[in-house]
Amino acid sequence: KKMKVISLSKFLSTDLVFRDSADKLFDFIEKAVAEQVKIDFSGVSSMTMSFAHQYLLRKKVYRNKVVEANVAPHLKKLFSIVKKPISNHNEINLPLPKSIPI
């Protein structure tokens, strides 16, 4: 099998922030002729929920197999949070502001 390995810290950044970055990654992957793609997270220090969500969406619809390697524990935790349905996320309960007469 032909495998393509992509280092995210070199291809994108050590800080994965934007949905567009996940799209750029998968646009590149889709053009590559590979039966399997390994995404190497070595050197990635942070990732936003936006990036993680878009990454998982694009991975889900990609025709070939994508596997992750060297994913730091805090990034794995973020992926697991993003995979949960919205109703399972911990809600943030903030007190409502008191109305102020004008």
PDB file of N, CA and C in Angstrom:
ATOM      1  N   LYS A   1       0.833  -1.189   0.000  1.00  0.00           N
ATOM      2  CA  LYS A   1       0.000   0.000   0.000  1.00  0.00           C
ATOM      3  C   LYS A   1       0.877   1.252   0.000  1.00  0.00           C
ATOM      4  N   LYS A   2       0.423   2.237  -0.701  1.00  0.00           N
ATOM      5  CA  LYS A   2       1.140   3.494  -0.760  1.00  0.00           C
ATOM      6  C   LYS A   2       0.642   4.401   0.367  1.00  0.00           C
ATOM      7  N   MET A   3       1.594   4.847   1.220  1.00  0.00           N
ATOM      8  CA  MET A   3       1.224   5.704   2.347  1.00  0.00           C
ATOM      9  C   MET A   3       1.927   7.044   2.237  1.00  0.00           C
ATOM     10  N   LYS A   4       1.177   8.092   2.529  1.00  0.00           N
ATOM     11  CA  LYS A   4       1.698   9.463   2.557  1.00  0.00           C
ATOM     12  C   LYS A   4       1.737   9.899   4.015  1.00  0.00           C
ATOM     13  N   VAL A   5       2.874  10.443   4.469  1.00  0.00           N
ATOM     14  CA  VAL A   5       3.002  10.942   5.833  1.00  0.00           C
ATOM     15  C   VAL A   5       3.109  12.464   5.768  1.00  0.00           C
ATOM     16  N   ILE A   6       2.281  13.132   6.568  1.00  0.00           N
ATOM     17  CA  ILE A   6       2.282  14.594   6.603  1.00  0.00           C
ATOM     18  C   ILE A   6       2.536  15.059   8.029  1.00  0.00           C
ATOM     19  N   SER A   7       3.570  15.867   8.194  1.00  0.00           N
ATOM     20  CA  SER A   7       3.875  16.468   9.488  1.00  0.00           C
ATOM     21  C   SER A   7       3.094  17.775   9.596  1.00  0.00           C
ATOM     22  N   LEU A   8       2.129  17.812  10.509  1.00  0.00           N
ATOM     23  CA  LEU A   8       1.296  19.007  10.649  1.00  0.00           C
ATOM     24  C   LEU A   8       2.092  20.234  11.075  1.00  0.00           C
ATOM     25  N   SER A   9       3.062  20.045  11.964  1.00  0.00           N
ATOM     26  CA  SER A   9       3.830  21.203  12.434  1.00  0.00           C
ATOM     27  C   SER A   9       4.633  21.829  11.303  1.00  0.00           C
ATOM     28  N   LYS A  10       5.021  21.043  10.319  1.00  0.00           N
ATOM     29  CA  LYS A  10       5.758  21.581   9.167  1.00  0.00           C
ATOM     30  C   LYS A  10       4.812  22.044   8.061  1.00  0.00           C
ATOM     31  N   PHE A  11       3.762  21.275   7.818  1.00  0.00           N
ATOM     32  CA  PHE A  11       2.840  21.601   6.721  1.00  0.00           C
ATOM     33  C   PHE A  11       1.956  22.801   7.048  1.00  0.00           C
ATOM     34  N   LEU A  12       1.479  22.876   8.303  1.00  0.00           N
ATOM     35  CA  LEU A  12       0.593  23.973   8.701  1.00  0.00           C
ATOM     36  C   LEU A  12       1.259  24.868   9.741  1.00  0.00           C
ATOM     37  N   SER A  13       1.336  24.377  10.976  1.00  0.00           N
ATOM     38  CA  SER A  13       1.850  25.192  12.078  1.00  0.00           C
ATOM     39  C   SER A  13       1.917  24.324  13.333  1.00  0.00           C
ATOM     40  N   THR A  14       2.595  24.827  14.346  1.00  0.00           N
ATOM     41  CA  THR A  14       2.595  24.125  15.637  1.00  0.00           C
ATOM     42  C   THR A  14       1.327  24.468  16.420  1.00  0.00           C
ATOM     43  N   ASP A  15       0.615  25.505  15.971  1.00  0.00           N
ATOM     44  CA  ASP A  15      -0.653  25.909  16.581  1.00  0.00           C
ATOM     45  C   ASP A  15      -1.744  25.826  15.518  1.00  0.00           C
ATOM     46  N   LEU A  16      -2.633  24.857  15.679  1.00  0.00           N
ATOM     47  CA  LEU A  16      -3.683  24.610  14.689  1.00  0.00           C
ATOM     48  C   LEU A  16      -4.922  25.392  15.107  1.00  0.00           C
ATOM     49  N   VAL A  17      -5.235  26.428  14.345  1.00  0.00           N
ATOM     50  CA  VAL A  17      -6.241  27.383  14.782  1.00  0.00           C
ATOM     51  C   VAL A  17      -7.486  27.393  13.904  1.00  0.00           C
ATOM     52  N   PHE A  18      -7.327  27.551  12.605  1.00  0.00           N
ATOM     53  CA  PHE A  18      -8.449  27.875  11.734  1.00  0.00           C
ATOM     54  C   PHE A  18      -9.041  26.674  11.003  1.00  0.00           C
ATOM     55  N   ARG A  19     -10.356  26.734  10.774  1.00  0.00           N
ATOM     56  CA  ARG A  19     -11.036  25.723   9.952  1.00  0.00           C
ATOM     57  C   ARG A  19     -10.405  25.668   8.568  1.00  0.00           C
ATOM     58  N   ASP A  20     -10.046  26.836   8.037  1.00  0.00           N
ATOM     59  CA  ASP A  20      -9.429  26.900   6.711  1.00  0.00           C
ATOM     60  C   ASP A  20      -8.147  26.071   6.641  1.00  0.00           C
ATOM     61  N   SER A  21      -7.430  26.001   7.749  1.00  0.00           N
ATOM     62  CA  SER A  21      -6.199  25.204   7.782  1.00  0.00           C
ATOM     63  C   SER A  21      -6.511  23.719   7.630  1.00  0.00           C
ATOM     64  N   ALA A  22      -7.564  23.261   8.282  1.00  0.00           N
ATOM     65  CA  ALA A  22      -7.975  21.865   8.135  1.00  0.00           C
ATOM     66  C   ALA A  22      -8.416  21.604   6.700  1.00  0.00           C
ATOM     67  N   ASP A  23      -9.104  22.574   6.101  1.00  0.00           N
ATOM     68  CA  ASP A  23      -9.513  22.436   4.699  1.00  0.00           C
ATOM     69  C   ASP A  23      -8.287  22.386   3.784  1.00  0.00           C
ATOM     70  N   LYS A  24      -7.311  23.246   4.046  1.00  0.00           N
ATOM     71  CA  LYS A  24      -6.080  23.255   3.248  1.00  0.00           C
ATOM     72  C   LYS A  24      -5.395  21.890   3.324  1.00  0.00           C
ATOM     73  N   LEU A  25      -5.334  21.325   4.528  1.00  0.00           N
ATOM     74  CA  LEU A  25      -4.723  20.010   4.726  1.00  0.00           C
ATOM     75  C   LEU A  25      -5.440  18.950   3.896  1.00  0.00           C
ATOM     76  N   PHE A  26      -6.765  18.883   4.010  1.00  0.00           N
ATOM     77  CA  PHE A  26      -7.497  17.837   3.294  1.00  0.00           C
ATOM     78  C   PHE A  26      -7.580  18.094   1.797  1.00  0.00           C
ATOM     79  N   ASP A  27      -7.542  19.349   1.365  1.00  0.00           N
ATOM     80  CA  ASP A  27      -7.455  19.628  -0.070  1.00  0.00           C
ATOM     81  C   ASP A  27      -6.153  19.061  -0.621  1.00  0.00           C
ATOM     82  N   PHE A  28      -5.070  19.214   0.144  1.00  0.00           N
ATOM     83  CA  PHE A  28      -3.774  18.661  -0.251  1.00  0.00           C
ATOM     84  C   PHE A  28      -3.812  17.131  -0.264  1.00  0.00           C
ATOM     85  N   ILE A  29      -4.380  16.553   0.784  1.00  0.00           N
ATOM     86  CA  ILE A  29      -4.457  15.090   0.900  1.00  0.00           C
ATOM     87  C   ILE A  29      -5.251  14.494  -0.264  1.00  0.00           C
ATOM     88  N   GLU A  30      -6.351  15.147  -0.629  1.00  0.00           N
ATOM     89  CA  GLU A  30      -7.190  14.628  -1.703  1.00  0.00           C
ATOM     90  C   GLU A  30      -6.466  14.610  -3.049  1.00  0.00           C
ATOM     91  N   LYS A  31      -5.499  15.495  -3.217  1.00  0.00           N
ATOM     92  CA  LYS A  31      -4.722  15.522  -4.467  1.00  0.00           C
ATOM     93  C   LYS A  31      -3.598  14.492  -4.464  1.00  0.00           C
ATOM     94  N   ALA A  32      -3.193  14.052  -3.284  1.00  0.00           N
ATOM     95  CA  ALA A  32      -2.117  13.071  -3.171  1.00  0.00           C
ATOM     96  C   ALA A  32      -2.630  11.700  -3.601  1.00  0.00           C
ATOM     97  N   VAL A  33      -1.774  10.962  -4.270  1.00  0.00           N
ATOM     98  CA  VAL A  33      -2.156   9.614  -4.688  1.00  0.00           C
ATOM     99  C   VAL A  33      -1.643   8.650  -3.616  1.00  0.00           C
ATOM    100  N   ALA A  34      -2.504   8.368  -2.645  1.00  0.00           N
ATOM    101  CA  ALA A  34      -2.122   7.490  -1.545  1.00  0.00           C
ATOM    102  C   ALA A  34      -3.351   6.741  -1.052  1.00  0.00           C
ATOM    103  N   GLU A  35      -3.153   5.459  -0.764  1.00  0.00           N
ATOM    104  CA  GLU A  35      -4.256   4.657  -0.229  1.00  0.00           C
ATOM    105  C   GLU A  35      -4.462   4.935   1.254  1.00  0.00           C
ATOM    106  N   GLN A  36      -3.396   5.374   1.900  1.00  0.00           N
ATOM    107  CA  GLN A  36      -3.482   5.676   3.331  1.00  0.00           C
ATOM    108  C   GLN A  36      -2.638   6.912   3.614  1.00  0.00           C
ATOM    109  N   VAL A  37      -3.142   7.756   4.521  1.00  0.00           N
ATOM    110  CA  VAL A  37      -2.434   8.973   4.909  1.00  0.00           C
ATOM    111  C   VAL A  37      -2.222   8.953   6.420  1.00  0.00           C
ATOM    112  N   LYS A  38      -0.980   9.211   6.827  1.00  0.00           N
ATOM    113  CA  LYS A  38      -0.673   9.306   8.254  1.00  0.00           C
ATOM    114  C   LYS A  38      -0.413  10.772   8.557  1.00  0.00           C
ATOM    115  N   ILE A  39      -1.181  11.299   9.515  1.00  0.00           N
ATOM    116  CA  ILE A  39      -1.026  12.678   9.955  1.00  0.00           C
ATOM    117  C   ILE A  39      -0.198  12.656  11.231  1.00  0.00           C
ATOM    118  N   ASP A  40       1.002  13.223  11.164  1.00  0.00           N
ATOM    119  CA  ASP A  40       1.914  13.241  12.307  1.00  0.00           C
ATOM    120  C   ASP A  40       1.744  14.554  13.078  1.00  0.00           C
ATOM    121  N   PHE A  41       1.302  14.432  14.322  1.00  0.00           N
ATOM    122  CA  PHE A  41       1.062  15.590  15.173  1.00  0.00           C
ATOM    123  C   PHE A  41       2.291  15.983  16.000  1.00  0.00           C
ATOM    124  N   SER A  42       3.451  15.396  15.744  1.00  0.00           N
ATOM    125  CA  SER A  42       4.678  15.763  16.472  1.00  0.00           C
ATOM    126  C   SER A  42       4.913  17.262  16.358  1.00  0.00           C
ATOM    127  N   GLY A  43       5.206  17.887  17.472  1.00  0.00           N
ATOM    128  CA  GLY A  43       5.507  19.315  17.469  1.00  0.00           C
ATOM    129  C   GLY A  43       4.295  20.224  17.533  1.00  0.00           C
ATOM    130  N   VAL A  44       3.093  19.643  17.431  1.00  0.00           N
ATOM    131  CA  VAL A  44       1.884  20.475  17.530  1.00  0.00           C
ATOM    132  C   VAL A  44       1.629  20.746  19.009  1.00  0.00           C
ATOM    133  N   SER A  45       1.584  22.030  19.375  1.00  0.00           N
ATOM    134  CA  SER A  45       1.418  22.369  20.787  1.00  0.00           C
ATOM    135  C   SER A  45      -0.004  22.758  21.155  1.00  0.00           C
ATOM    136  N   SER A  46      -0.773  23.277  20.179  1.00  0.00           N
ATOM    137  CA  SER A  46      -2.148  23.652  20.500  1.00  0.00           C
ATOM    138  C   SER A  46      -3.059  23.483  19.292  1.00  0.00           C
ATOM    139  N   MET A  47      -4.361  23.372  19.605  1.00  0.00           N
ATOM    140  CA  MET A  47      -5.364  23.178  18.563  1.00  0.00           C
ATOM    141  C   MET A  47      -6.683  23.750  19.078  1.00  0.00           C
ATOM    142  N   THR A  48      -7.372  24.491  18.224  1.00  0.00           N
ATOM    143  CA  THR A  48      -8.669  25.032  18.625  1.00  0.00           C
ATOM    144  C   THR A  48      -9.769  24.014  18.340  1.00  0.00           C
ATOM    145  N   MET A  49     -10.919  24.236  18.970  1.00  0.00           N
ATOM    146  CA  MET A  49     -12.072  23.374  18.696  1.00  0.00           C
ATOM    147  C   MET A  49     -12.511  23.527  17.245  1.00  0.00           C
ATOM    148  N   SER A  50     -12.370  24.721  16.690  1.00  0.00           N
ATOM    149  CA  SER A  50     -12.750  24.949  15.295  1.00  0.00           C
ATOM    150  C   SER A  50     -11.925  24.080  14.352  1.00  0.00           C
ATOM    151  N   PHE A  51     -10.604  24.071  14.559  1.00  0.00           N
ATOM    152  CA  PHE A  51      -9.741  23.238  13.717  1.00  0.00           C
ATOM    153  C   PHE A  51     -10.101  21.767  13.898  1.00  0.00           C
ATOM    154  N   ALA A  52     -10.214  21.323  15.157  1.00  0.00           N
ATOM    155  CA  ALA A  52     -10.497  19.916  15.447  1.00  0.00           C
ATOM    156  C   ALA A  52     -11.815  19.485  14.806  1.00  0.00           C
ATOM    157  N   HIS A  53     -12.830  20.306  14.897  1.00  0.00           N
ATOM    158  CA  HIS A  53     -14.134  19.979  14.323  1.00  0.00           C
ATOM    159  C   HIS A  53     -14.049  19.845  12.808  1.00  0.00           C
ATOM    160  N   GLN A  54     -13.418  20.806  12.159  1.00  0.00           N
ATOM    161  CA  GLN A  54     -13.299  20.756  10.701  1.00  0.00           C
ATOM    162  C   GLN A  54     -12.441  19.578  10.255  1.00  0.00           C
ATOM    163  N   TYR A  55     -11.376  19.289  11.000  1.00  0.00           N
ATOM    164  CA  TYR A  55     -10.507  18.141  10.712  1.00  0.00           C
ATOM    165  C   TYR A  55     -11.331  16.853  10.732  1.00  0.00           C
ATOM    166  N   LEU A  56     -12.124  16.680  11.786  1.00  0.00           N
ATOM    167  CA  LEU A  56     -12.930  15.459  11.910  1.00  0.00           C
ATOM    168  C   LEU A  56     -14.004  15.369  10.832  1.00  0.00           C
ATOM    169  N   LEU A  57     -14.609  16.507  10.481  1.00  0.00           N
ATOM    170  CA  LEU A  57     -15.611  16.502   9.393  1.00  0.00           C
ATOM    171  C   LEU A  57     -14.987  16.068   8.074  1.00  0.00           C
ATOM    172  N   ARG A  58     -13.851  16.646   7.747  1.00  0.00           N
ATOM    173  CA  ARG A  58     -13.193  16.327   6.479  1.00  0.00           C
ATOM    174  C   ARG A  58     -12.669  14.887   6.475  1.00  0.00           C
ATOM    175  N   LYS A  59     -12.160  14.440   7.620  1.00  0.00           N
ATOM    176  CA  LYS A  59     -11.664  13.062   7.716  1.00  0.00           C
ATOM    177  C   LYS A  59     -12.799  12.063   7.479  1.00  0.00           C
ATOM    178  N   LYS A  60     -13.964  12.383   8.014  1.00  0.00           N
ATOM    179  CA  LYS A  60     -15.124  11.494   7.903  1.00  0.00           C
ATOM    180  C   LYS A  60     -15.538  11.255   6.446  1.00  0.00           C
ATOM    181  N   VAL A  61     -15.424  12.264   5.611  1.00  0.00           N
ATOM    182  CA  VAL A  61     -15.871  12.134   4.217  1.00  0.00           C
ATOM    183  C   VAL A  61     -14.743  11.798   3.247  1.00  0.00           C
ATOM    184  N   TYR A  62     -13.502  11.747   3.734  1.00  0.00           N
ATOM    185  CA  TYR A  62     -12.377  11.401   2.860  1.00  0.00           C
ATOM    186  C   TYR A  62     -12.464   9.937   2.472  1.00  0.00           C
ATOM    187  N   ARG A  63     -12.202   9.651   1.218  1.00  0.00           N
ATOM    188  CA  ARG A  63     -12.411   8.307   0.671  1.00  0.00           C
ATOM    189  C   ARG A  63     -11.406   7.249   1.151  1.00  0.00           C
ATOM    190  N   ASN A  64     -10.207   7.659   1.506  1.00  0.00           N
ATOM    191  CA  ASN A  64      -9.184   6.706   1.938  1.00  0.00           C
ATOM    192  C   ASN A  64      -8.951   6.800   3.438  1.00  0.00           C
ATOM    193  N   LYS A  65      -8.110   5.914   3.932  1.00  0.00           N
ATOM    194  CA  LYS A  65      -7.870   5.841   5.372  1.00  0.00           C
ATOM    195  C   LYS A  65      -6.907   6.938   5.828  1.00  0.00           C
ATOM    196  N   VAL A  66      -7.267   7.605   6.918  1.00  0.00           N
ATOM    197  CA  VAL A  66      -6.410   8.608   7.550  1.00  0.00           C
ATOM    198  C   VAL A  66      -6.168   8.153   8.987  1.00  0.00           C
ATOM    199  N   VAL A  67      -4.897   8.074   9.361  1.00  0.00           N
ATOM    200  CA  VAL A  67      -4.547   7.713  10.734  1.00  0.00           C
ATOM    201  C   VAL A  67      -3.691   8.824  11.328  1.00  0.00           C
ATOM    202  N   GLU A  68      -3.811   8.989  12.646  1.00  0.00           N
ATOM    203  CA  GLU A  68      -3.037   9.993  13.343  1.00  0.00           C
ATOM    204  C   GLU A  68      -1.903   9.326  14.102  1.00  0.00           C
ATOM    205  N   ALA A  69      -0.785  10.045  14.214  1.00  0.00           N
ATOM    206  CA  ALA A  69       0.364   9.557  14.980  1.00  0.00           C
ATOM    207  C   ALA A  69       0.869  10.681  15.874  1.00  0.00           C
ATOM    208  N   ASN A  70       1.422  10.300  17.014  1.00  0.00           N
ATOM    209  CA  ASN A  70       2.068  11.242  17.931  1.00  0.00           C
ATOM    210  C   ASN A  70       1.147  12.386  18.371  1.00  0.00           C
ATOM    211  N   VAL A  71      -0.095  12.026  18.698  1.00  0.00           N
ATOM    212  CA  VAL A  71      -1.060  13.028  19.155  1.00  0.00           C
ATOM    213  C   VAL A  71      -0.895  13.179  20.677  1.00  0.00           C
ATOM    214  N   ALA A  72      -0.550  14.377  21.107  1.00  0.00           N
ATOM    215  CA  ALA A  72      -0.348  14.643  22.536  1.00  0.00           C
ATOM    216  C   ALA A  72      -1.660  14.428  23.301  1.00  0.00           C
ATOM    217  N   PRO A  73      -1.571  14.042  24.571  1.00  0.00           N
ATOM    218  CA  PRO A  73      -2.780  13.771  25.368  1.00  0.00           C
ATOM    219  C   PRO A  73      -3.792  14.926  25.395  1.00  0.00           C
ATOM    220  N   HIS A  74      -3.321  16.163  25.492  1.00  0.00           N
ATOM    221  CA  HIS A  74      -4.269  17.284  25.542  1.00  0.00           C
ATOM    222  C   HIS A  74      -4.982  17.479  24.201  1.00  0.00           C
ATOM    223  N   LEU A  75      -4.340  17.091  23.108  1.00  0.00           N
ATOM    224  CA  LEU A  75      -4.996  17.170  21.800  1.00  0.00           C
ATOM    225  C   LEU A  75      -6.005  16.032  21.637  1.00  0.00           C
ATOM    226  N   LYS A  76      -5.656  14.847  22.145  1.00  0.00           N
ATOM    227  CA  LYS A  76      -6.601  13.721  22.117  1.00  0.00           C
ATOM    228  C   LYS A  76      -7.861  14.071  22.896  1.00  0.00           C
ATOM    229  N   LYS A  77      -7.667  14.726  24.033  1.00  0.00           N
ATOM    230  CA  LYS A  77      -8.810  15.115  24.867  1.00  0.00           C
ATOM    231  C   LYS A  77      -9.708  16.093  24.109  1.00  0.00           C
ATOM    232  N   LEU A  78      -9.100  17.041  23.417  1.00  0.00           N
ATOM    233  CA  LEU A  78      -9.879  18.005  22.643  1.00  0.00           C
ATOM    234  C   LEU A  78     -10.661  17.306  21.534  1.00  0.00           C
ATOM    235  N   PHE A  79     -10.024  16.359  20.842  1.00  0.00           N
ATOM    236  CA  PHE A  79     -10.736  15.593  19.809  1.00  0.00           C
ATOM    237  C   PHE A  79     -11.926  14.856  20.413  1.00  0.00           C
ATOM    238  N   SER A  80     -11.742  14.260  21.585  1.00  0.00           N
ATOM    239  CA  SER A  80     -12.844  13.506  22.201  1.00  0.00           C
ATOM    240  C   SER A  80     -13.991  14.433  22.596  1.00  0.00           C
ATOM    241  N   ILE A  81     -13.675  15.645  23.040  1.00  0.00           N
ATOM    242  CA  ILE A  81     -14.724  16.617  23.386  1.00  0.00           C
ATOM    243  C   ILE A  81     -15.496  17.017  22.136  1.00  0.00           C
ATOM    244  N   VAL A  82     -14.780  17.276  21.060  1.00  0.00           N
ATOM    245  CA  VAL A  82     -15.414  17.716  19.814  1.00  0.00           C
ATOM    246  C   VAL A  82     -16.295  16.614  19.218  1.00  0.00           C
ATOM    247  N   LYS A  83     -15.923  15.361  19.425  1.00  0.00           N
ATOM    248  CA  LYS A  83     -16.697  14.237  18.868  1.00  0.00           C
ATOM    249  C   LYS A  83     -18.038  14.044  19.568  1.00  0.00           C
ATOM    250  N   LYS A  84     -18.151  14.513  20.815  1.00  0.00           N
ATOM    251  CA  LYS A  84     -19.392  14.330  21.567  1.00  0.00           C
ATOM    252  C   LYS A  84     -20.497  15.201  20.974  1.00  0.00           C
ATOM    253  N   PRO A  85     -21.733  14.712  21.037  1.00  0.00           N
ATOM    254  CA  PRO A  85     -22.848  15.568  20.619  1.00  0.00           C
ATOM    255  C   PRO A  85     -22.916  16.801  21.514  1.00  0.00           C
ATOM    256  N   ILE A  86     -23.419  17.880  20.979  1.00  0.00           N
ATOM    257  CA  ILE A  86     -23.517  19.149  21.703  1.00  0.00           C
ATOM    258  C   ILE A  86     -24.200  18.979  23.055  1.00  0.00           C
ATOM    259  N   SER A  87     -25.243  18.167  23.129  1.00  0.00           N
ATOM    260  CA  SER A  87     -26.004  18.018  24.371  1.00  0.00           C
ATOM    261  C   SER A  87     -25.161  17.392  25.487  1.00  0.00           C
ATOM    262  N   ASN A  88     -24.073  16.723  25.142  1.00  0.00           N
ATOM    263  CA  ASN A  88     -23.227  16.094  26.157  1.00  0.00           C
ATOM    264  C   ASN A  88     -22.120  17.014  26.664  1.00  0.00           C
ATOM    265  N   HIS A  89     -21.931  18.158  26.025  1.00  0.00           N
ATOM    266  CA  HIS A  89     -20.898  19.084  26.488  1.00  0.00           C
ATOM    267  C   HIS A  89     -21.342  19.685  27.811  1.00  0.00           C
ATOM    268  N   ASN A  90     -20.391  19.947  28.669  1.00  0.00           N
ATOM    269  CA  ASN A  90     -20.722  20.617  29.931  1.00  0.00           C
ATOM    270  C   ASN A  90     -21.207  22.017  29.612  1.00  0.00           C
ATOM    271  N   GLU A  91     -22.341  22.349  30.159  1.00  0.00           N
ATOM    272  CA  GLU A  91     -22.882  23.677  29.916  1.00  0.00           C
ATOM    273  C   GLU A  91     -22.236  24.672  30.867  1.00  0.00           C
ATOM    274  N   ILE A  92     -22.081  25.867  30.374  1.00  0.00           N
ATOM    275  CA  ILE A  92     -21.575  26.939  31.216  1.00  0.00           C
ATOM    276  C   ILE A  92     -22.792  27.733  31.665  1.00  0.00           C
ATOM    277  N   ASN A  93     -23.067  27.696  32.940  1.00  0.00           N
ATOM    278  CA  ASN A  93     -24.225  28.405  33.474  1.00  0.00           C
ATOM    279  C   ASN A  93     -23.780  29.728  34.073  1.00  0.00           C
ATOM    280  N   LEU A  94     -24.045  30.784  33.366  1.00  0.00           N
ATOM    281  CA  LEU A  94     -23.714  32.116  33.845  1.00  0.00           C
ATOM    282  C   LEU A  94     -24.987  32.775  34.348  1.00  0.00           C
ATOM    283  N   PRO A  95     -24.888  33.530  35.429  1.00  0.00           N
ATOM    284  CA  PRO A  95     -26.096  34.208  35.914  1.00  0.00           C
ATOM    285  C   PRO A  95     -26.534  35.273  34.910  1.00  0.00           C
ATOM    286  N   LEU A  96     -27.838  35.382  34.764  1.00  0.00           N
ATOM    287  CA  LEU A  96     -28.364  36.402  33.853  1.00  0.00           C
ATOM    288  C   LEU A  96     -28.204  37.771  34.486  1.00  0.00           C
ATOM    289  N   PRO A  97     -27.859  38.762  33.697  1.00  0.00           N
ATOM    290  CA  PRO A  97     -27.709  40.111  34.289  1.00  0.00           C
ATOM    291  C   PRO A  97     -29.063  40.621  34.751  1.00  0.00           C
ATOM    292  N   LYS A  98     -29.031  41.378  35.831  1.00  0.00           N
ATOM    293  CA  LYS A  98     -30.261  41.993  36.329  1.00  0.00           C
ATOM    294  C   LYS A  98     -30.659  43.107  35.385  1.00  0.00           C
ATOM    295  N   SER A  99     -31.950  43.261  35.181  1.00  0.00           N
ATOM    296  CA  SER A  99     -32.391  44.332  34.290  1.00  0.00           C
ATOM    297  C   SER A  99     -32.173  45.672  34.990  1.00  0.00           C
ATOM    298  N   ILE A 100     -31.813  46.614  34.180  1.00  0.00           N
ATOM    299  CA  ILE A 100     -31.538  47.950  34.690  1.00  0.00           C
ATOM    300  C   ILE A 100     -32.588  48.903  34.138  1.00  0.00           C
ATOM    301  N   PRO A 101     -33.335  49.578  35.017  1.00  0.00           N
ATOM    302  CA  PRO A 101     -34.333  50.529  34.502  1.00  0.00           C
ATOM    303  C   PRO A 101     -33.650  51.706  33.785  1.00  0.00           C
ATOM    304  N   ILE A 102     -34.247  52.097  32.709  1.00  0.00           N
ATOM    305  CA  ILE A 102     -33.669  53.198  31.923  1.00  0.00           C
ATOM    306  C   ILE A 102     -34.490  54.449  32.105  1.00  0.00           C
TER     307      ILE A 102
END
